[in-house]
Amino acid sequence: MSGRLAGLKDALKAERQLSPKEAVEELKSTIASVASTRAKARVGKRAVGGYFTPELARTLNVMATERDTTLQAILGKAIDLWFREQGKHPFGER
């Protein structure tokens, strides 16, 4: 096959010829390379968020700047306070 899709066809054919063990190893390698590009502080963690008005977002960011802290630290403290209110153990994550 010639033309602009020739390379794609060859690549797909080569992928189909991988043994299951080779495919797993290739997938692990791909995952490891993606994970290594993340900030170390984010490895093993998931984002939690919500949608709020621009005014609330702006106020939170201003307050974080005024207190020389981060929005993440403020939200972590708020979540911990809510956990305590609900009788749960706080995680203390910032």
N, C-alpha and C. Protein backbone atom coordinates (compact mmCIF):
# COMPACT_ATOMS: atom_id res chain seq x y z
N MET A 1 0.84 -1.18 0.00
CA MET A 1 0.00 0.00 0.00
C MET A 1 0.88 1.24 0.00
N SER A 2 0.60 2.14 -0.86
CA SER A 2 1.35 3.38 -0.89
C SER A 2 0.41 4.53 -0.57
N GLY A 3 0.96 5.65 -0.33
CA GLY A 3 0.13 6.81 -0.02
C GLY A 3 0.37 7.26 1.41
N ARG A 4 -0.46 8.18 1.84
CA ARG A 4 -0.23 8.81 3.14
C ARG A 4 -0.59 7.91 4.32
N LEU A 5 -1.37 6.84 4.11
CA LEU A 5 -1.74 5.96 5.22
C LEU A 5 -0.88 4.70 5.30
N ALA A 6 0.12 4.59 4.46
CA ALA A 6 0.96 3.39 4.44
C ALA A 6 1.65 3.19 5.79
N GLY A 7 2.16 4.24 6.35
CA GLY A 7 2.84 4.14 7.65
C GLY A 7 1.90 3.71 8.75
N LEU A 8 0.68 4.21 8.73
CA LEU A 8 -0.31 3.84 9.73
C LEU A 8 -0.65 2.37 9.64
N LYS A 9 -0.84 1.87 8.43
CA LYS A 9 -1.16 0.46 8.25
C LYS A 9 -0.03 -0.42 8.77
N ASP A 10 1.21 -0.04 8.47
CA ASP A 10 2.36 -0.82 8.95
C ASP A 10 2.44 -0.79 10.47
N ALA A 11 2.18 0.36 11.06
CA ALA A 11 2.23 0.48 12.52
C ALA A 11 1.16 -0.38 13.17
N LEU A 12 -0.05 -0.36 12.63
CA LEU A 12 -1.13 -1.18 13.18
C LEU A 12 -0.82 -2.66 13.05
N LYS A 13 -0.25 -3.05 11.92
CA LYS A 13 0.11 -4.44 11.70
C LYS A 13 1.18 -4.88 12.71
N ALA A 14 2.15 -4.02 12.95
CA ALA A 14 3.22 -4.34 13.90
C ALA A 14 2.66 -4.47 15.31
N GLU A 15 1.70 -3.62 15.68
CA GLU A 15 1.09 -3.70 17.00
C GLU A 15 0.34 -5.01 17.19
N ARG A 16 -0.37 -5.44 16.17
CA ARG A 16 -1.14 -6.68 16.27
C ARG A 16 -0.23 -7.89 16.44
N GLN A 17 1.03 -7.78 16.04
CA GLN A 17 1.93 -8.91 16.11
C GLN A 17 2.63 -9.03 17.47
N LEU A 18 2.37 -8.12 18.40
CA LEU A 18 2.95 -8.21 19.72
C LEU A 18 2.31 -9.36 20.49
N SER A 19 3.13 -10.09 21.22
CA SER A 19 2.58 -11.13 22.09
C SER A 19 1.91 -10.43 23.27
N PRO A 20 1.02 -11.11 23.97
CA PRO A 20 0.38 -10.46 25.12
C PRO A 20 1.40 -9.97 26.15
N LYS A 21 2.46 -10.73 26.38
CA LYS A 21 3.48 -10.34 27.35
C LYS A 21 4.19 -9.07 26.88
N GLU A 22 4.52 -9.01 25.59
CA GLU A 22 5.18 -7.83 25.03
C GLU A 22 4.27 -6.61 25.11
N ALA A 23 2.99 -6.83 24.86
CA ALA A 23 2.03 -5.72 24.91
C ALA A 23 1.93 -5.16 26.32
N VAL A 24 1.92 -6.04 27.33
CA VAL A 24 1.85 -5.60 28.73
C VAL A 24 3.11 -4.80 29.08
N GLU A 25 4.27 -5.28 28.68
CA GLU A 25 5.52 -4.58 28.96
C GLU A 25 5.55 -3.21 28.29
N GLU A 26 5.06 -3.14 27.06
CA GLU A 26 5.02 -1.86 26.36
C GLU A 26 4.07 -0.89 27.05
N LEU A 27 2.93 -1.40 27.52
CA LEU A 27 1.97 -0.56 28.23
C LEU A 27 2.57 -0.06 29.54
N LYS A 28 3.27 -0.92 30.28
CA LYS A 28 3.91 -0.50 31.53
C LYS A 28 4.93 0.59 31.27
N SER A 29 5.67 0.44 30.20
CA SER A 29 6.68 1.44 29.84
C SER A 29 6.02 2.78 29.52
N THR A 30 4.92 2.73 28.80
CA THR A 30 4.20 3.95 28.46
C THR A 30 3.66 4.63 29.70
N ILE A 31 3.08 3.85 30.62
CA ILE A 31 2.54 4.40 31.86
C ILE A 31 3.64 5.02 32.69
N ALA A 32 4.79 4.35 32.78
CA ALA A 32 5.91 4.87 33.56
C ALA A 32 6.41 6.20 33.00
N SER A 33 6.44 6.31 31.68
CA SER A 33 6.93 7.55 31.08
C SER A 33 5.95 8.70 31.31
N VAL A 34 4.66 8.40 31.32
CA VAL A 34 3.65 9.45 31.58
C VAL A 34 3.71 9.86 33.05
N ALA A 35 3.81 8.89 33.95
CA ALA A 35 3.84 9.19 35.38
C ALA A 35 5.07 10.00 35.75
N SER A 36 6.18 9.79 35.06
CA SER A 36 7.40 10.50 35.41
C SER A 36 7.35 11.97 35.03
N THR A 37 6.42 12.37 34.19
CA THR A 37 6.31 13.78 33.81
C THR A 37 5.45 14.57 34.78
N ARG A 38 4.77 13.90 35.68
CA ARG A 38 3.95 14.60 36.67
C ARG A 38 4.81 15.11 37.82
N ALA A 39 4.34 16.15 38.45
CA ALA A 39 5.03 16.65 39.64
C ALA A 39 4.98 15.57 40.71
N LYS A 40 6.07 15.41 41.44
CA LYS A 40 6.13 14.36 42.46
C LYS A 40 5.02 14.52 43.50
N ALA A 41 4.63 15.76 43.80
CA ALA A 41 3.58 15.99 44.78
C ALA A 41 2.22 15.49 44.30
N ARG A 42 2.07 15.28 43.00
CA ARG A 42 0.77 14.85 42.45
C ARG A 42 0.68 13.36 42.20
N VAL A 43 1.80 12.65 42.26
CA VAL A 43 1.79 11.22 41.98
C VAL A 43 0.96 10.52 43.05
N GLY A 44 0.03 9.70 42.60
CA GLY A 44 -0.83 8.94 43.51
C GLY A 44 -1.98 9.74 44.09
N LYS A 45 -2.20 10.93 43.58
CA LYS A 45 -3.30 11.76 44.08
C LYS A 45 -4.27 12.08 42.96
N ARG A 46 -5.47 12.50 43.34
CA ARG A 46 -6.49 12.86 42.36
C ARG A 46 -7.01 14.25 42.65
N ALA A 47 -7.39 14.94 41.60
CA ALA A 47 -7.92 16.29 41.74
C ALA A 47 -9.35 16.25 42.24
N VAL A 48 -9.70 17.20 43.10
CA VAL A 48 -11.07 17.37 43.59
C VAL A 48 -11.41 18.83 43.36
N GLY A 49 -12.54 19.10 42.76
CA GLY A 49 -12.85 20.50 42.48
C GLY A 49 -14.33 20.73 42.31
N GLY A 50 -14.67 21.94 41.95
CA GLY A 50 -16.06 22.30 41.74
C GLY A 50 -16.13 23.58 40.93
N TYR A 51 -17.31 23.96 40.56
CA TYR A 51 -17.53 25.17 39.78
C TYR A 51 -18.22 26.21 40.66
N PHE A 52 -17.60 27.39 40.74
CA PHE A 52 -18.12 28.45 41.57
C PHE A 52 -18.13 29.75 40.77
N THR A 53 -18.74 30.77 41.33
CA THR A 53 -18.82 32.06 40.63
C THR A 53 -17.42 32.67 40.51
N PRO A 54 -17.25 33.50 39.50
CA PRO A 54 -15.96 34.19 39.35
C PRO A 54 -15.59 35.03 40.57
N GLU A 55 -16.60 35.62 41.21
CA GLU A 55 -16.35 36.46 42.38
C GLU A 55 -15.77 35.64 43.53
N LEU A 56 -16.34 34.44 43.76
CA LEU A 56 -15.83 33.57 44.82
C LEU A 56 -14.41 33.13 44.51
N ALA A 57 -14.16 32.73 43.28
CA ALA A 57 -12.82 32.30 42.88
C ALA A 57 -11.81 33.42 43.06
N ARG A 58 -12.18 34.62 42.66
CA ARG A 58 -11.29 35.77 42.78
C ARG A 58 -11.01 36.08 44.25
N THR A 59 -12.06 36.06 45.08
CA THR A 59 -11.89 36.34 46.51
C THR A 59 -10.98 35.31 47.18
N LEU A 60 -11.17 34.05 46.85
CA LEU A 60 -10.31 33.00 47.42
C LEU A 60 -8.85 33.20 47.00
N ASN A 61 -8.63 33.53 45.75
CA ASN A 61 -7.26 33.74 45.27
C ASN A 61 -6.62 34.97 45.93
N VAL A 62 -7.39 36.03 46.10
CA VAL A 62 -6.88 37.23 46.77
C VAL A 62 -6.52 36.90 48.21
N MET A 63 -7.41 36.18 48.90
CA MET A 63 -7.15 35.82 50.30
C MET A 63 -5.92 34.93 50.42
N ALA A 64 -5.75 34.02 49.49
CA ALA A 64 -4.56 33.16 49.51
C ALA A 64 -3.30 33.99 49.35
N THR A 65 -3.33 34.95 48.44
CA THR A 65 -2.18 35.82 48.21
C THR A 65 -1.90 36.67 49.44
N GLU A 66 -2.95 37.24 50.04
CA GLU A 66 -2.78 38.07 51.23
C GLU A 66 -2.17 37.29 52.39
N ARG A 67 -2.47 36.01 52.46
CA ARG A 67 -1.99 35.18 53.57
C ARG A 67 -0.74 34.38 53.20
N ASP A 68 -0.20 34.66 52.02
CA ASP A 68 1.01 33.99 51.54
C ASP A 68 0.87 32.46 51.62
N THR A 69 -0.25 31.97 51.10
CA THR A 69 -0.52 30.54 51.07
C THR A 69 -1.10 30.19 49.70
N THR A 70 -1.56 28.97 49.56
CA THR A 70 -2.13 28.53 48.28
C THR A 70 -3.62 28.27 48.43
N LEU A 71 -4.28 28.29 47.31
CA LEU A 71 -5.70 27.96 47.30
C LEU A 71 -5.89 26.51 47.75
N GLN A 72 -4.99 25.64 47.37
CA GLN A 72 -5.07 24.24 47.77
C GLN A 72 -5.00 24.11 49.30
N ALA A 73 -4.13 24.88 49.95
CA ALA A 73 -4.02 24.83 51.40
C ALA A 73 -5.30 25.32 52.07
N ILE A 74 -5.87 26.39 51.52
CA ILE A 74 -7.13 26.91 52.07
C ILE A 74 -8.24 25.88 51.94
N LEU A 75 -8.36 25.29 50.76
CA LEU A 75 -9.41 24.28 50.55
C LEU A 75 -9.17 23.06 51.42
N GLY A 76 -7.92 22.66 51.58
CA GLY A 76 -7.61 21.52 52.45
C GLY A 76 -8.04 21.78 53.88
N LYS A 77 -7.77 22.99 54.37
CA LYS A 77 -8.18 23.36 55.73
C LYS A 77 -9.70 23.36 55.87
N ALA A 78 -10.38 23.89 54.85
CA ALA A 78 -11.84 23.92 54.89
C ALA A 78 -12.42 22.51 54.90
N ILE A 79 -11.84 21.64 54.11
CA ILE A 79 -12.32 20.24 54.07
C ILE A 79 -12.08 19.57 55.41
N ASP A 80 -10.90 19.80 56.01
CA ASP A 80 -10.60 19.21 57.32
C ASP A 80 -11.59 19.71 58.37
N LEU A 81 -11.90 21.00 58.35
CA LEU A 81 -12.88 21.54 59.31
C LEU A 81 -14.24 20.90 59.12
N TRP A 82 -14.63 20.67 57.87
CA TRP A 82 -15.92 20.03 57.60
C TRP A 82 -15.91 18.58 58.06
N PHE A 83 -14.79 17.87 57.85
CA PHE A 83 -14.69 16.49 58.35
C PHE A 83 -14.86 16.45 59.87
N ARG A 84 -14.18 17.36 60.57
CA ARG A 84 -14.31 17.39 62.03
C ARG A 84 -15.76 17.64 62.43
N GLU A 85 -16.41 18.55 61.74
CA GLU A 85 -17.82 18.86 62.02
C GLU A 85 -18.70 17.63 61.83
N GLN A 86 -18.34 16.79 60.89
CA GLN A 86 -19.11 15.58 60.60
C GLN A 86 -18.68 14.38 61.45
N GLY A 87 -17.73 14.61 62.36
CA GLY A 87 -17.26 13.54 63.24
C GLY A 87 -16.27 12.59 62.56
N LYS A 88 -15.64 13.04 61.50
CA LYS A 88 -14.65 12.23 60.78
C LYS A 88 -13.25 12.72 61.10
N HIS A 89 -12.28 11.86 60.91
CA HIS A 89 -10.89 12.22 61.13
C HIS A 89 -10.38 13.05 59.95
N PRO A 90 -9.77 14.20 60.23
CA PRO A 90 -9.26 15.03 59.14
C PRO A 90 -8.03 14.38 58.50
N PHE A 91 -7.85 14.63 57.23
CA PHE A 91 -6.71 14.07 56.51
C PHE A 91 -5.49 14.96 56.61
N GLY A 92 -5.69 16.26 56.78
CA GLY A 92 -4.57 17.19 56.90
C GLY A 92 -3.76 17.34 55.64
N GLU A 93 -4.37 17.11 54.47
CA GLU A 93 -3.65 17.21 53.20
C GLU A 93 -3.65 18.63 52.70
N ARG A 94 -2.49 19.08 52.26
CA ARG A 94 -2.38 20.43 51.70
C ARG A 94 -1.65 20.34 50.40
